[in-house]
């Protein structure tokens, strides 16, 4: 990954993507209309805003080295 960062290949600045979406398609990104005082702007909160329930992070600490991955791990990672 460090090679990609050094060469500037295959790197996407997600902050700039989010800025572009908010500017050109404000209805797509839920944070656009959320108060700036919102404490949590993490993935779980984004999932809650998009789908109505927070991301279950219980699989975050599961053994991701063990193969094959469980179906629940695949869903979580998607």
N, C-alpha and C. Protein backbone atom coordinates (compact mmCIF):
# COMPACT_ATOMS: atom_id res chain seq x y z
N UNK A 1 0.82 -1.19 0.00
CA UNK A 1 0.00 0.00 0.00
C UNK A 1 0.86 1.25 0.00
N UNK A 2 1.98 1.22 0.71
CA UNK A 2 2.82 2.41 0.76
C UNK A 2 3.33 2.77 -0.63
N UNK A 3 3.58 1.77 -1.49
CA UNK A 3 4.00 2.05 -2.87
C UNK A 3 2.91 2.82 -3.61
N UNK A 4 1.66 2.39 -3.43
CA UNK A 4 0.55 3.08 -4.09
C UNK A 4 0.44 4.52 -3.61
N UNK A 5 0.65 4.73 -2.32
CA UNK A 5 0.58 6.09 -1.79
C UNK A 5 1.71 6.96 -2.33
N UNK A 6 2.90 6.39 -2.41
CA UNK A 6 4.05 7.14 -2.90
C UNK A 6 3.90 7.49 -4.39
N UNK A 7 3.35 6.57 -5.17
CA UNK A 7 3.21 6.79 -6.60
C UNK A 7 1.91 7.52 -6.95
N UNK A 8 1.00 7.58 -6.00
CA UNK A 8 -0.27 8.24 -6.25
C UNK A 8 -1.21 7.43 -7.13
N UNK A 9 -0.97 6.14 -7.22
CA UNK A 9 -1.84 5.28 -8.03
C UNK A 9 -2.84 4.57 -7.14
N UNK A 10 -4.01 4.37 -7.64
CA UNK A 10 -5.05 3.62 -6.94
C UNK A 10 -5.38 4.20 -5.57
N UNK A 11 -5.25 5.51 -5.43
CA UNK A 11 -5.56 6.17 -4.17
C UNK A 11 -6.76 7.08 -4.39
N UNK A 12 -7.75 6.94 -3.54
CA UNK A 12 -8.95 7.77 -3.62
C UNK A 12 -9.07 8.57 -2.33
N UNK A 13 -9.18 9.87 -2.45
CA UNK A 13 -9.37 10.73 -1.28
C UNK A 13 -10.86 10.77 -0.98
N UNK A 14 -11.28 9.97 0.00
CA UNK A 14 -12.71 9.86 0.30
C UNK A 14 -13.30 11.17 0.81
N UNK A 15 -12.49 12.01 1.45
CA UNK A 15 -12.99 13.30 1.90
C UNK A 15 -13.42 14.15 0.71
N UNK A 16 -12.61 14.14 -0.35
CA UNK A 16 -12.96 14.91 -1.55
C UNK A 16 -14.17 14.32 -2.25
N UNK A 17 -14.28 13.00 -2.24
CA UNK A 17 -15.46 12.35 -2.82
C UNK A 17 -16.70 12.79 -2.06
N UNK A 18 -16.63 12.78 -0.73
CA UNK A 18 -17.76 13.20 0.09
C UNK A 18 -18.11 14.66 -0.16
N UNK A 19 -17.11 15.52 -0.28
CA UNK A 19 -17.36 16.94 -0.57
C UNK A 19 -18.08 17.11 -1.90
N UNK A 20 -17.62 16.39 -2.91
CA UNK A 20 -18.23 16.47 -4.24
C UNK A 20 -19.68 16.01 -4.19
N UNK A 21 -19.92 14.89 -3.52
CA UNK A 21 -21.29 14.37 -3.43
C UNK A 21 -22.19 15.36 -2.71
N UNK A 22 -21.72 15.91 -1.59
CA UNK A 22 -22.53 16.88 -0.84
C UNK A 22 -22.85 18.11 -1.67
N UNK A 23 -21.89 18.53 -2.48
CA UNK A 23 -22.10 19.74 -3.29
C UNK A 23 -23.04 19.48 -4.47
N UNK A 24 -22.85 18.37 -5.15
CA UNK A 24 -23.59 18.11 -6.38
C UNK A 24 -24.83 17.24 -6.20
N UNK A 25 -24.83 16.39 -5.19
CA UNK A 25 -25.95 15.48 -4.94
C UNK A 25 -26.26 15.44 -3.44
N UNK A 26 -26.69 16.54 -2.85
CA UNK A 26 -26.86 16.61 -1.40
C UNK A 26 -27.85 15.60 -0.83
N UNK A 27 -28.80 15.16 -1.63
CA UNK A 27 -29.78 14.20 -1.12
C UNK A 27 -29.20 12.80 -0.96
N UNK A 28 -28.04 12.54 -1.54
CA UNK A 28 -27.45 11.20 -1.50
C UNK A 28 -26.72 10.95 -0.19
N UNK A 29 -26.03 11.95 0.33
CA UNK A 29 -25.20 11.76 1.51
C UNK A 29 -25.92 12.26 2.75
N UNK A 30 -26.30 11.36 3.66
CA UNK A 30 -27.14 11.73 4.80
C UNK A 30 -26.55 12.79 5.72
N UNK A 31 -25.23 12.89 5.83
CA UNK A 31 -24.64 13.86 6.75
C UNK A 31 -24.86 15.30 6.30
N UNK A 32 -25.19 15.49 5.05
CA UNK A 32 -25.33 16.85 4.54
C UNK A 32 -26.36 17.65 5.33
N UNK A 33 -27.44 17.01 5.74
CA UNK A 33 -28.50 17.71 6.47
C UNK A 33 -28.45 17.48 7.97
N UNK A 34 -27.40 16.83 8.45
CA UNK A 34 -27.27 16.55 9.88
C UNK A 34 -26.50 17.69 10.53
N UNK A 35 -26.89 18.00 11.74
CA UNK A 35 -26.26 19.09 12.48
C UNK A 35 -24.74 18.91 12.58
N UNK A 36 -24.01 20.00 12.48
CA UNK A 36 -22.55 19.97 12.61
C UNK A 36 -22.14 19.57 14.02
N UNK A 37 -23.07 19.65 14.97
CA UNK A 37 -22.77 19.29 16.35
C UNK A 37 -22.83 17.78 16.59
N UNK A 38 -23.17 17.02 15.57
CA UNK A 38 -23.27 15.58 15.70
C UNK A 38 -21.93 15.03 16.17
N UNK A 39 -21.93 14.29 17.29
CA UNK A 39 -20.69 13.77 17.85
C UNK A 39 -20.12 12.65 16.99
N UNK A 40 -20.96 11.69 16.65
CA UNK A 40 -20.47 10.51 15.94
C UNK A 40 -20.66 10.65 14.44
N UNK A 41 -19.57 10.66 13.73
CA UNK A 41 -19.64 10.68 12.26
C UNK A 41 -18.92 9.44 11.72
N UNK A 42 -18.97 8.37 12.47
CA UNK A 42 -18.30 7.15 12.07
C UNK A 42 -19.17 6.30 11.16
N UNK A 43 -18.62 5.16 10.80
CA UNK A 43 -19.31 4.25 9.89
C UNK A 43 -20.64 3.77 10.46
N UNK A 44 -20.66 3.46 11.75
CA UNK A 44 -21.90 2.98 12.36
C UNK A 44 -23.01 4.02 12.25
N UNK A 45 -22.68 5.28 12.47
CA UNK A 45 -23.68 6.34 12.36
C UNK A 45 -24.12 6.54 10.92
N UNK A 46 -23.19 6.43 9.98
CA UNK A 46 -23.55 6.54 8.57
C UNK A 46 -24.51 5.42 8.16
N UNK A 47 -24.22 4.20 8.62
CA UNK A 47 -25.11 3.07 8.33
C UNK A 47 -26.48 3.32 8.95
N UNK A 48 -26.51 3.86 10.18
CA UNK A 48 -27.79 4.16 10.83
C UNK A 48 -28.59 5.19 10.02
N UNK A 49 -27.92 6.23 9.54
CA UNK A 49 -28.61 7.25 8.76
C UNK A 49 -29.13 6.70 7.44
N UNK A 50 -28.37 5.80 6.83
CA UNK A 50 -28.77 5.24 5.52
C UNK A 50 -29.81 4.14 5.64
N UNK A 51 -29.67 3.28 6.65
CA UNK A 51 -30.50 2.08 6.72
C UNK A 51 -31.41 1.99 7.95
N UNK A 52 -31.32 3.00 8.84
CA UNK A 52 -32.23 3.03 9.98
C UNK A 52 -31.77 2.26 11.19
N UNK A 53 -30.63 1.60 11.13
CA UNK A 53 -30.09 0.91 12.31
C UNK A 53 -28.57 0.95 12.26
N UNK A 54 -27.92 1.00 13.43
CA UNK A 54 -26.46 1.12 13.44
C UNK A 54 -25.78 -0.17 13.01
N UNK A 55 -24.54 -0.05 12.59
CA UNK A 55 -23.74 -1.20 12.20
C UNK A 55 -23.39 -2.01 13.44
N UNK A 56 -23.64 -3.30 13.39
CA UNK A 56 -23.27 -4.20 14.49
C UNK A 56 -21.77 -4.43 14.41
N UNK A 57 -21.04 -3.92 15.40
CA UNK A 57 -19.59 -4.03 15.37
C UNK A 57 -19.07 -5.23 16.17
N UNK A 58 -19.93 -6.16 16.53
CA UNK A 58 -19.49 -7.31 17.31
C UNK A 58 -18.50 -8.18 16.53
N UNK A 59 -18.57 -8.16 15.22
CA UNK A 59 -17.65 -8.97 14.41
C UNK A 59 -16.31 -8.29 14.19
N UNK A 60 -16.19 -7.05 14.62
CA UNK A 60 -14.96 -6.29 14.42
C UNK A 60 -13.76 -7.01 15.03
N UNK A 61 -13.98 -7.70 16.15
CA UNK A 61 -12.87 -8.35 16.84
C UNK A 61 -12.85 -9.86 16.63
N UNK A 62 -13.59 -10.36 15.65
CA UNK A 62 -13.55 -11.80 15.37
C UNK A 62 -12.24 -12.15 14.68
N UNK A 63 -11.95 -13.44 14.57
CA UNK A 63 -10.69 -13.89 13.97
C UNK A 63 -10.79 -13.86 12.45
N UNK A 64 -10.29 -12.78 11.86
CA UNK A 64 -10.37 -12.58 10.42
C UNK A 64 -9.31 -13.38 9.66
N UNK A 65 -8.37 -13.99 10.39
CA UNK A 65 -7.34 -14.81 9.73
C UNK A 65 -7.86 -16.21 9.42
N UNK A 66 -8.85 -16.65 10.18
CA UNK A 66 -9.39 -18.00 10.00
C UNK A 66 -10.20 -18.07 8.71
N UNK A 67 -9.89 -19.07 7.88
CA UNK A 67 -10.58 -19.27 6.61
C UNK A 67 -11.28 -20.60 6.60
N UNK A 68 -12.39 -20.74 5.94
CA UNK A 68 -13.10 -19.68 5.24
C UNK A 68 -13.78 -18.73 6.23
N UNK A 69 -14.01 -17.51 5.78
CA UNK A 69 -14.72 -16.55 6.61
C UNK A 69 -16.16 -16.99 6.79
N UNK A 70 -16.72 -16.66 7.95
CA UNK A 70 -18.13 -16.96 8.20
C UNK A 70 -19.00 -16.04 7.34
N UNK A 71 -20.22 -16.48 7.08
CA UNK A 71 -21.15 -15.67 6.29
C UNK A 71 -21.36 -14.30 6.95
N UNK A 72 -21.46 -14.28 8.27
CA UNK A 72 -21.66 -13.02 8.99
C UNK A 72 -20.46 -12.08 8.82
N UNK A 73 -19.25 -12.64 8.73
CA UNK A 73 -18.07 -11.81 8.50
C UNK A 73 -18.09 -11.21 7.09
N UNK A 74 -18.51 -12.01 6.12
CA UNK A 74 -18.59 -11.51 4.75
C UNK A 74 -19.60 -10.38 4.63
N UNK A 75 -20.73 -10.55 5.30
CA UNK A 75 -21.75 -9.50 5.29
C UNK A 75 -21.22 -8.24 5.96
N UNK A 76 -20.55 -8.40 7.11
CA UNK A 76 -19.99 -7.26 7.84
C UNK A 76 -18.95 -6.53 6.98
N UNK A 77 -18.12 -7.29 6.28
CA UNK A 77 -17.05 -6.67 5.50
C UNK A 77 -17.55 -6.00 4.23
N UNK A 78 -18.74 -6.38 3.79
CA UNK A 78 -19.28 -5.83 2.54
C UNK A 78 -19.78 -4.46 2.72
